[in-house]
Amino acid sequence: MTRQAPLIAELVNLATVRLRGGAWVDPLEGDLLVEAFTTLLGARRSAAVLTEPDAGAHLAELAWELRQVLLADRPADQAARINAMIAKYGAQPYLVEDVGQPFHLHFHGSGGGQVAALGGEFATALALIVDGYGPDRFGACEAQRCEAVYIDLTRNGSRRYCGAACTARAKTAAYRSRRQG
């Protein structure tokens, strides 16, 4: 679950954001999205996504679905969207024993290609985050000129920015504001 959170946020940010870290960016599409996102995956999974037909379009669709979950106004809407994704991607649990690790659960989607498998895995990860941390752990970066999303897995639920750069920009702006006022 916690391993998937950064992948989910990064996919959404790569494919859906126009303002990130105070700068204009072009959301990635097609092969550019596939190439950028697969650098975050393991070698085997990356290779599988790279060979999937229309992977860019499928990743973009998944990113928009995930963004709707992360920015849902009400917990009930969030839960409904997560449940719809679990059903759509056919998320099914199974036990895996990786080298050097004990058995643990994976939740790949059934049917479809590798992006559908990711959709099932990501939807289930979001469901487990809501179950374990609560529905208020997702959000949009509060820094000025940033539309990126984050998933907050901190102990006290205090995250408000997408990353260190936006945190630093916001703190600097607050400091300058205090000094002037």
C-alpha atoms as a PDB file:
ATOM      1  CA  MET A   1       0.000   0.000   0.000  1.00  0.00           C
ATOM      2  CA  THR A   2       2.625   2.560   0.984  1.00  0.00           C
ATOM      3  CA  ARG A   3       4.813   1.587  -1.967  1.00  0.00           C
ATOM      4  CA  GLN A   4       1.988   2.444  -4.353  1.00  0.00           C
ATOM      5  CA  ALA A   5       1.200   5.906  -2.965  1.00  0.00           C
ATOM      6  CA  PRO A   6       4.125   7.725  -4.642  1.00  0.00           C
ATOM      7  CA  LEU A   7       3.431   5.934  -7.937  1.00  0.00           C
ATOM      8  CA  ILE A   8      -0.227   6.941  -7.825  1.00  0.00           C
ATOM      9  CA  ALA A   9       0.548  10.586  -7.080  1.00  0.00           C
ATOM     10  CA  GLU A  10       3.285  10.745  -9.711  1.00  0.00           C
ATOM     11  CA  LEU A  11       1.094   9.219 -12.434  1.00  0.00           C
ATOM     12  CA  VAL A  12      -1.643  11.753 -11.668  1.00  0.00           C
ATOM     13  CA  ASN A  13       0.852  14.607 -11.618  1.00  0.00           C
ATOM     14  CA  LEU A  14       2.561  13.551 -14.860  1.00  0.00           C
ATOM     15  CA  ALA A  15      -0.687  13.219 -16.812  1.00  0.00           C
ATOM     16  CA  THR A  16      -3.049  15.843 -15.380  1.00  0.00           C
ATOM     17  CA  VAL A  17      -1.157  18.824 -13.961  1.00  0.00           C
ATOM     18  CA  ARG A  18      -0.548  22.116 -15.796  1.00  0.00           C
ATOM     19  CA  LEU A  19       1.053  24.000 -12.893  1.00  0.00           C
ATOM     20  CA  ARG A  20       3.659  22.231 -10.810  1.00  0.00           C
ATOM     21  CA  GLY A  21       6.146  23.694  -8.392  1.00  0.00           C
ATOM     22  CA  GLY A  22       5.341  27.236  -9.516  1.00  0.00           C
ATOM     23  CA  ALA A  23       5.986  26.579 -13.208  1.00  0.00           C
ATOM     24  CA  TRP A  24       3.779  25.784 -16.193  1.00  0.00           C
ATOM     25  CA  VAL A  25       4.175  22.216 -17.410  1.00  0.00           C
ATOM     26  CA  ASP A  26       2.551  20.287 -20.201  1.00  0.00           C
ATOM     27  CA  PRO A  27       0.737  17.166 -19.033  1.00  0.00           C
ATOM     28  CA  LEU A  28       2.397  14.183 -20.648  1.00  0.00           C
ATOM     29  CA  GLU A  29       0.521  12.075 -23.178  1.00  0.00           C
ATOM     30  CA  GLY A  30       1.097   8.978 -25.248  1.00  0.00           C
ATOM     31  CA  ASP A  31       4.624   7.627 -25.466  1.00  0.00           C
ATOM     32  CA  LEU A  32       6.035  10.499 -23.375  1.00  0.00           C
ATOM     33  CA  LEU A  33       3.736   9.564 -20.484  1.00  0.00           C
ATOM     34  CA  VAL A  34       4.588   5.878 -20.832  1.00  0.00           C
ATOM     35  CA  GLU A  35       8.333   6.558 -20.884  1.00  0.00           C
ATOM     36  CA  ALA A  36       8.245   8.919 -17.905  1.00  0.00           C
ATOM     37  CA  PHE A  37       6.017   6.703 -15.781  1.00  0.00           C
ATOM     38  CA  THR A  38       7.773   3.432 -16.534  1.00  0.00           C
ATOM     39  CA  THR A  39      11.037   4.830 -15.167  1.00  0.00           C
ATOM     40  CA  LEU A  40       9.351   4.560 -11.761  1.00  0.00           C
ATOM     41  CA  LEU A  41       8.447   0.885 -12.163  1.00  0.00           C
ATOM     42  CA  GLY A  42      10.587  -2.203 -11.811  1.00  0.00           C
ATOM     43  CA  ALA A  43      12.279  -3.557 -14.930  1.00  0.00           C
ATOM     44  CA  ARG A  44       9.854  -6.436 -15.586  1.00  0.00           C
ATOM     45  CA  ARG A  45       6.722  -4.360 -15.102  1.00  0.00           C
ATOM     46  CA  SER A  46       8.179  -1.457 -17.029  1.00  0.00           C
ATOM     47  CA  ALA A  47       8.899  -3.697 -20.013  1.00  0.00           C
ATOM     48  CA  ALA A  48       5.357  -5.064 -19.932  1.00  0.00           C
ATOM     49  CA  VAL A  49       3.776  -1.595 -19.894  1.00  0.00           C
ATOM     50  CA  LEU A  50       6.082  -0.395 -22.687  1.00  0.00           C
ATOM     51  CA  THR A  51       4.881  -3.183 -24.978  1.00  0.00           C
ATOM     52  CA  GLU A  52       1.169  -2.717 -24.250  1.00  0.00           C
ATOM     53  CA  PRO A  53      -0.778  -1.225 -27.177  1.00  0.00           C
ATOM     54  CA  ASP A  54      -2.217   2.221 -26.395  1.00  0.00           C
ATOM     55  CA  ALA A  55      -0.510   2.261 -22.982  1.00  0.00           C
ATOM     56  CA  GLY A  56      -0.310   6.059 -23.018  1.00  0.00           C
ATOM     57  CA  ALA A  57      -4.047   6.482 -23.508  1.00  0.00           C
ATOM     58  CA  HIS A  58      -4.804   3.870 -20.843  1.00  0.00           C
ATOM     59  CA  LEU A  59      -2.389   5.492 -18.363  1.00  0.00           C
ATOM     60  CA  ALA A  60      -3.930   8.919 -19.011  1.00  0.00           C
ATOM     61  CA  GLU A  61      -7.425   7.531 -18.384  1.00  0.00           C
ATOM     62  CA  LEU A  62      -6.239   5.854 -15.176  1.00  0.00           C
ATOM     63  CA  ALA A  63      -4.571   9.094 -14.059  1.00  0.00           C
ATOM     64  CA  TRP A  64      -7.808  11.064 -14.448  1.00  0.00           C
ATOM     65  CA  GLU A  65      -9.762   8.424 -12.526  1.00  0.00           C
ATOM     66  CA  LEU A  66      -7.188   8.533  -9.732  1.00  0.00           C
ATOM     67  CA  ARG A  67      -7.239  12.351  -9.673  1.00  0.00           C
ATOM     68  CA  GLN A  68     -11.014  12.281  -9.159  1.00  0.00           C
ATOM     69  CA  VAL A  69     -10.553   9.975  -6.172  1.00  0.00           C
ATOM     70  CA  LEU A  70      -7.765  12.053  -4.653  1.00  0.00           C
ATOM     71  CA  LEU A  71      -9.683  15.324  -4.986  1.00  0.00           C
ATOM     72  CA  ALA A  72     -13.210  14.121  -4.181  1.00  0.00           C
ATOM     73  CA  ASP A  73     -15.082  16.626  -2.029  1.00  0.00           C
ATOM     74  CA  ARG A  74     -16.820  14.100   0.194  1.00  0.00           C
ATOM     75  CA  PRO A  75     -15.655  10.774   1.644  1.00  0.00           C
ATOM     76  CA  ALA A  76     -18.758   9.092   0.207  1.00  0.00           C
ATOM     77  CA  ASP A  77     -17.831  10.268  -3.310  1.00  0.00           C
ATOM     78  CA  GLN A  78     -14.262   9.126  -2.754  1.00  0.00           C
ATOM     79  CA  ALA A  79     -15.410   5.677  -1.624  1.00  0.00           C
ATOM     80  CA  ALA A  80     -17.821   5.358  -4.542  1.00  0.00           C
ATOM     81  CA  ARG A  81     -15.068   6.194  -7.028  1.00  0.00           C
ATOM     82  CA  ILE A  82     -12.625   3.768  -5.415  1.00  0.00           C
ATOM     83  CA  ASN A  83     -15.247   1.012  -5.409  1.00  0.00           C
ATOM     84  CA  ALA A  84     -16.044   1.700  -9.073  1.00  0.00           C
ATOM     85  CA  MET A  85     -12.348   1.419  -9.954  1.00  0.00           C
ATOM     86  CA  ILE A  86     -11.975  -1.841  -8.006  1.00  0.00           C
ATOM     87  CA  ALA A  87     -14.927  -3.258  -9.945  1.00  0.00           C
ATOM     88  CA  LYS A  88     -13.773  -1.847 -13.294  1.00  0.00           C
ATOM     89  CA  TYR A  89     -10.247  -3.205 -13.003  1.00  0.00           C
ATOM     90  CA  GLY A  90     -11.265  -6.454 -11.297  1.00  0.00           C
ATOM     91  CA  ALA A  91      -8.826  -6.141  -8.397  1.00  0.00           C
ATOM     92  CA  GLN A  92      -8.136  -9.549  -6.912  1.00  0.00           C
ATOM     93  CA  PRO A  93      -5.822 -10.293  -3.985  1.00  0.00           C
ATOM     94  CA  TYR A  94      -3.133 -12.932  -4.161  1.00  0.00           C
ATOM     95  CA  LEU A  95      -0.077 -13.769  -2.071  1.00  0.00           C
ATOM     96  CA  VAL A  96       3.425 -13.209  -3.425  1.00  0.00           C
ATOM     97  CA  GLU A  97       6.792 -14.114  -1.939  1.00  0.00           C
ATOM     98  CA  ASP A  98       9.463 -11.785  -3.289  1.00  0.00           C
ATOM     99  CA  VAL A  99      13.138 -12.516  -2.889  1.00  0.00           C
ATOM    100  CA  GLY A 100      14.182 -11.640   0.652  1.00  0.00           C
ATOM    101  CA  GLN A 101      10.664 -10.727   1.757  1.00  0.00           C
ATOM    102  CA  PRO A 102       7.902 -12.684   3.462  1.00  0.00           C
ATOM    103  CA  PHE A 103       4.612 -13.401   1.703  1.00  0.00           C
ATOM    104  CA  HIS A 104       2.539 -10.298   1.135  1.00  0.00           C
ATOM    105  CA  LEU A 105      -0.620  -9.352  -0.747  1.00  0.00           C
ATOM    106  CA  HIS A 106      -0.782  -7.955  -4.260  1.00  0.00           C
ATOM    107  CA  PHE A 107      -3.989  -6.726  -5.839  1.00  0.00           C
ATOM    108  CA  HIS A 108      -3.555  -6.685  -9.597  1.00  0.00           C
ATOM    109  CA  GLY A 109      -6.530  -6.184 -11.822  1.00  0.00           C
ATOM    110  CA  SER A 110      -7.802  -9.201 -13.694  1.00  0.00           C
ATOM    111  CA  GLY A 111      -8.214  -9.037 -17.417  1.00  0.00           C
ATOM    112  CA  GLY A 112      -6.895  -6.350 -19.678  1.00  0.00           C
ATOM    113  CA  GLY A 113      -3.246  -5.442 -19.901  1.00  0.00           C
ATOM    114  CA  GLN A 114      -0.615  -4.172 -17.541  1.00  0.00           C
ATOM    115  CA  VAL A 115      -2.296  -0.784 -17.119  1.00  0.00           C
ATOM    116  CA  ALA A 116      -5.496  -2.546 -16.011  1.00  0.00           C
ATOM    117  CA  ALA A 117      -3.396  -4.532 -13.554  1.00  0.00           C
ATOM    118  CA  LEU A 118      -1.992  -1.252 -12.234  1.00  0.00           C
ATOM    119  CA  GLY A 119      -5.525   0.171 -12.039  1.00  0.00           C
ATOM    120  CA  GLY A 120      -6.642  -2.690  -9.814  1.00  0.00           C
ATOM    121  CA  GLU A 121      -3.544  -2.398  -7.670  1.00  0.00           C
ATOM    122  CA  PHE A 122      -3.819   1.381  -7.308  1.00  0.00           C
ATOM    123  CA  ALA A 123      -7.554   1.318  -6.540  1.00  0.00           C
ATOM    124  CA  THR A 124      -7.012  -1.268  -3.824  1.00  0.00           C
ATOM    125  CA  ALA A 125      -4.070   0.694  -2.405  1.00  0.00           C
ATOM    126  CA  LEU A 126      -6.288   3.781  -2.130  1.00  0.00           C
ATOM    127  CA  ALA A 127      -8.996   1.721  -0.425  1.00  0.00           C
ATOM    128  CA  LEU A 128      -6.459   0.418   2.093  1.00  0.00           C
ATOM    129  CA  ILE A 129      -5.145   3.939   2.720  1.00  0.00           C
ATOM    130  CA  VAL A 130      -8.672   5.203   3.402  1.00  0.00           C
ATOM    131  CA  ASP A 131      -9.272   2.219   5.675  1.00  0.00           C
ATOM    132  CA  GLY A 132      -6.004   2.591   7.582  1.00  0.00           C
ATOM    133  CA  TYR A 133      -5.469   6.354   7.609  1.00  0.00           C
ATOM    134  CA  GLY A 134      -8.877   7.883   6.889  1.00  0.00           C
ATOM    135  CA  PRO A 135     -10.405   9.639   3.880  1.00  0.00           C
ATOM    136  CA  ASP A 136      -8.668  12.964   4.448  1.00  0.00           C
ATOM    137  CA  ARG A 137      -5.160  11.828   3.445  1.00  0.00           C
ATOM    138  CA  PHE A 138      -5.386  12.934  -0.193  1.00  0.00           C
ATOM    139  CA  GLY A 139      -5.233  16.460  -1.504  1.00  0.00           C
ATOM    140  CA  ALA A 140      -4.013  19.126  -3.862  1.00  0.00           C
ATOM    141  CA  CYS A 141      -0.796  20.956  -3.091  1.00  0.00           C
ATOM    142  CA  GLU A 142      -1.488  24.169  -1.166  1.00  0.00           C
ATOM    143  CA  ALA A 143       1.517  26.027  -2.579  1.00  0.00           C
ATOM    144  CA  GLN A 144       0.800  28.901  -4.903  1.00  0.00           C
ATOM    145  CA  ARG A 145       0.870  28.004  -8.590  1.00  0.00           C
ATOM    146  CA  CYS A 146       0.816  24.247  -8.082  1.00  0.00           C
ATOM    147  CA  GLU A 147      -1.933  21.796  -9.048  1.00  0.00           C
ATOM    148  CA  ALA A 148      -0.076  18.628  -8.093  1.00  0.00           C
ATOM    149  CA  VAL A 149      -1.656  16.066  -5.780  1.00  0.00           C
ATOM    150  CA  TYR A 150      -0.230  14.261  -2.773  1.00  0.00           C
ATOM    151  CA  ILE A 151      -1.035  11.258  -0.633  1.00  0.00           C
ATOM    152  CA  ASP A 152      -0.279  11.869   3.030  1.00  0.00           C
ATOM    153  CA  LEU A 153       1.033   8.845   4.890  1.00  0.00           C
ATOM    154  CA  THR A 154       2.647  10.829   7.699  1.00  0.00           C
ATOM    155  CA  ARG A 155       1.918   9.806  11.248  1.00  0.00           C
ATOM    156  CA  ASN A 156       0.076  13.019  12.147  1.00  0.00           C
ATOM    157  CA  GLY A 157      -1.574  13.707   8.780  1.00  0.00           C
ATOM    158  CA  SER A 158       0.074  17.107   8.412  1.00  0.00           C
ATOM    159  CA  ARG A 159       1.191  17.054   4.780  1.00  0.00           C
ATOM    160  CA  ARG A 160      -0.099  19.961   2.695  1.00  0.00           C
ATOM    161  CA  TYR A 161       2.357  20.150  -0.193  1.00  0.00           C
ATOM    162  CA  CYS A 162       3.270  17.838  -3.064  1.00  0.00           C
ATOM    163  CA  GLY A 163       6.972  17.827  -2.300  1.00  0.00           C
ATOM    164  CA  ALA A 164       9.981  19.508  -0.740  1.00  0.00           C
ATOM    165  CA  ALA A 165      10.237  22.245  -3.385  1.00  0.00           C
ATOM    166  CA  CYS A 166       6.681  23.459  -2.805  1.00  0.00           C
ATOM    167  CA  THR A 167       7.109  23.217   0.963  1.00  0.00           C
ATOM    168  CA  ALA A 168      10.212  25.407   0.724  1.00  0.00           C
ATOM    169  CA  ARG A 169       8.498  27.901  -1.589  1.00  0.00           C
ATOM    170  CA  ALA A 170       5.511  28.196   0.770  1.00  0.00           C
ATOM    171  CA  LYS A 171       7.700  28.635   3.848  1.00  0.00           C
ATOM    172  CA  THR A 172       9.802  31.268   2.090  1.00  0.00           C
ATOM    173  CA  ALA A 173       6.678  33.151   0.984  1.00  0.00           C
ATOM    174  CA  ALA A 174       5.275  33.035   4.538  1.00  0.00           C
ATOM    175  CA  TYR A 175       8.580  34.274   5.960  1.00  0.00           C
ATOM    176  CA  ARG A 176       8.735  37.168   3.511  1.00  0.00           C
ATOM    177  CA  SER A 177       5.133  38.047   4.255  1.00  0.00           C
ATOM    178  CA  ARG A 178       5.821  38.155   8.001  1.00  0.00           C
ATOM    179  CA  ARG A 179       8.908  40.292   7.481  1.00  0.00           C
ATOM    180  CA  GLN A 180       7.015  42.824   5.382  1.00  0.00           C
ATOM    181  CA  GLY A 181       3.957  42.903   7.637  1.00  0.00           C
END
